[in-house]
Amino acid sequence: MNRITVATVNAALRKKGAQKVTLHRGKGYFYFVHDDGIYFDTHSVYVYRLNTESLESWIEEGIEFYKRVTREERDLRTGMPIRLLMRSRVSA
């Protein structure tokens, strides 16, 4: 079994198209961060060691988090993507 590093997981996530998601090490856990300059979110994974999970599991977890934070949810009143509404209100 190859040793997994945070840099390895982050490189794999970039290759899969999740450029704005990065894995970080906390005290006794790891967490994913999504920050595209407009929307910020985190997702924690409570394992003590990175090698507790396989590289494939880390990638899958990161991609699922990426899909969750980037899907376009629409405002029921206007039909516009919520993220676009947030952006237009900030710049107004």
Protein backbone atom coordinates (compact mmCIF):
# COMPACT_ATOMS: atom_id res chain seq x y z
CA MET A 1 0.00 0.00 0.00
CA ASN A 2 1.42 3.37 -1.03
CA ARG A 3 1.52 6.13 1.52
CA ILE A 4 -1.17 8.72 0.85
CA THR A 5 -0.41 12.41 1.39
CA VAL A 6 -2.63 15.48 1.43
CA ALA A 7 -0.77 16.74 -1.66
CA THR A 8 -1.55 13.47 -3.48
CA VAL A 9 -5.28 13.79 -2.72
CA ASN A 10 -5.33 17.46 -3.75
CA ALA A 11 -3.55 16.70 -7.03
CA ALA A 12 -6.03 13.90 -7.78
CA LEU A 13 -8.98 16.22 -7.05
CA ARG A 14 -7.59 18.82 -9.47
CA LYS A 15 -7.24 16.14 -12.16
CA LYS A 16 -10.89 15.18 -11.62
CA GLY A 17 -12.01 18.79 -12.12
CA ALA A 18 -12.51 19.88 -8.50
CA GLN A 19 -9.95 22.72 -8.62
CA LYS A 20 -11.55 24.77 -5.84
CA VAL A 21 -11.62 21.86 -3.34
CA THR A 22 -8.60 21.16 -1.15
CA LEU A 23 -7.99 18.69 1.67
CA HIS A 24 -6.47 19.96 4.93
CA ARG A 25 -5.28 18.30 8.14
CA GLY A 26 -6.88 19.28 11.44
CA LYS A 27 -6.13 17.97 14.93
CA GLY A 28 -7.45 14.41 14.82
CA TYR A 29 -9.43 14.85 11.61
CA PHE A 30 -9.20 16.03 8.01
CA TYR A 31 -11.40 18.51 6.20
CA PHE A 32 -12.18 19.59 2.67
CA VAL A 33 -12.49 23.28 1.82
CA HIS A 34 -14.31 24.75 -1.17
CA ASP A 35 -13.61 28.42 -1.82
CA ASP A 36 -14.27 29.94 -5.23
CA GLY A 37 -14.23 33.54 -4.01
CA ILE A 38 -18.03 33.64 -3.87
CA TYR A 39 -19.03 30.57 -1.90
CA PHE A 40 -17.09 29.02 1.01
CA ASP A 41 -17.89 25.68 2.65
CA THR A 42 -16.12 22.89 4.53
CA HIS A 43 -16.68 19.17 5.03
CA SER A 44 -15.00 17.25 7.87
CA VAL A 45 -13.88 13.61 7.85
CA TYR A 46 -13.20 12.27 11.32
CA VAL A 47 -10.27 9.92 10.94
CA TYR A 48 -6.98 10.25 12.82
CA ARG A 49 -4.73 9.10 9.99
CA LEU A 50 -4.98 9.86 6.29
CA ASN A 51 -4.06 6.27 5.42
CA THR A 52 -7.12 4.96 7.28
CA GLU A 53 -8.95 5.39 3.96
CA SER A 54 -7.78 4.55 0.44
CA LEU A 55 -6.84 7.22 -2.08
CA GLU A 56 -9.95 6.31 -4.06
CA SER A 57 -12.13 6.88 -0.97
CA TRP A 58 -10.61 10.32 -0.38
CA ILE A 59 -11.14 11.28 -4.02
CA GLU A 60 -14.74 10.04 -3.92
CA GLU A 61 -15.41 11.99 -0.71
CA GLY A 62 -13.90 15.16 -2.19
CA ILE A 63 -15.81 14.84 -5.47
CA GLU A 64 -19.11 14.27 -3.64
CA PHE A 65 -18.45 17.38 -1.55
CA TYR A 66 -17.60 19.33 -4.73
CA LYS A 67 -20.83 18.21 -6.39
CA ARG A 68 -22.86 19.20 -3.33
CA VAL A 69 -21.47 22.74 -3.10
CA THR A 70 -21.47 23.49 -6.82
CA ARG A 71 -24.84 22.21 -7.95
CA GLU A 72 -27.08 25.01 -9.08
CA GLU A 73 -30.04 25.43 -6.81
CA ARG A 74 -32.67 27.74 -8.27
CA ASP A 75 -34.64 30.42 -6.51
CA LEU A 76 -38.29 29.37 -6.62
CA ARG A 77 -39.51 32.94 -7.20
CA THR A 78 -37.17 34.00 -10.03
CA GLY A 79 -35.88 30.70 -11.42
CA MET A 80 -32.34 32.11 -11.39
CA PRO A 81 -29.45 30.11 -9.90
CA ILE A 82 -29.05 31.12 -6.26
CA ARG A 83 -25.30 31.65 -6.67
CA LEU A 84 -25.96 34.18 -9.46
CA LEU A 85 -28.48 35.98 -7.29
CA MET A 86 -25.94 36.17 -4.46
CA ARG A 87 -23.28 37.52 -6.82
CA SER A 88 -25.61 40.20 -8.26
CA ARG A 89 -26.68 41.36 -4.79
CA VAL A 90 -23.06 41.67 -3.65
CA SER A 91 -22.07 43.78 -6.66
CA ALA A 92 -25.18 45.99 -6.48
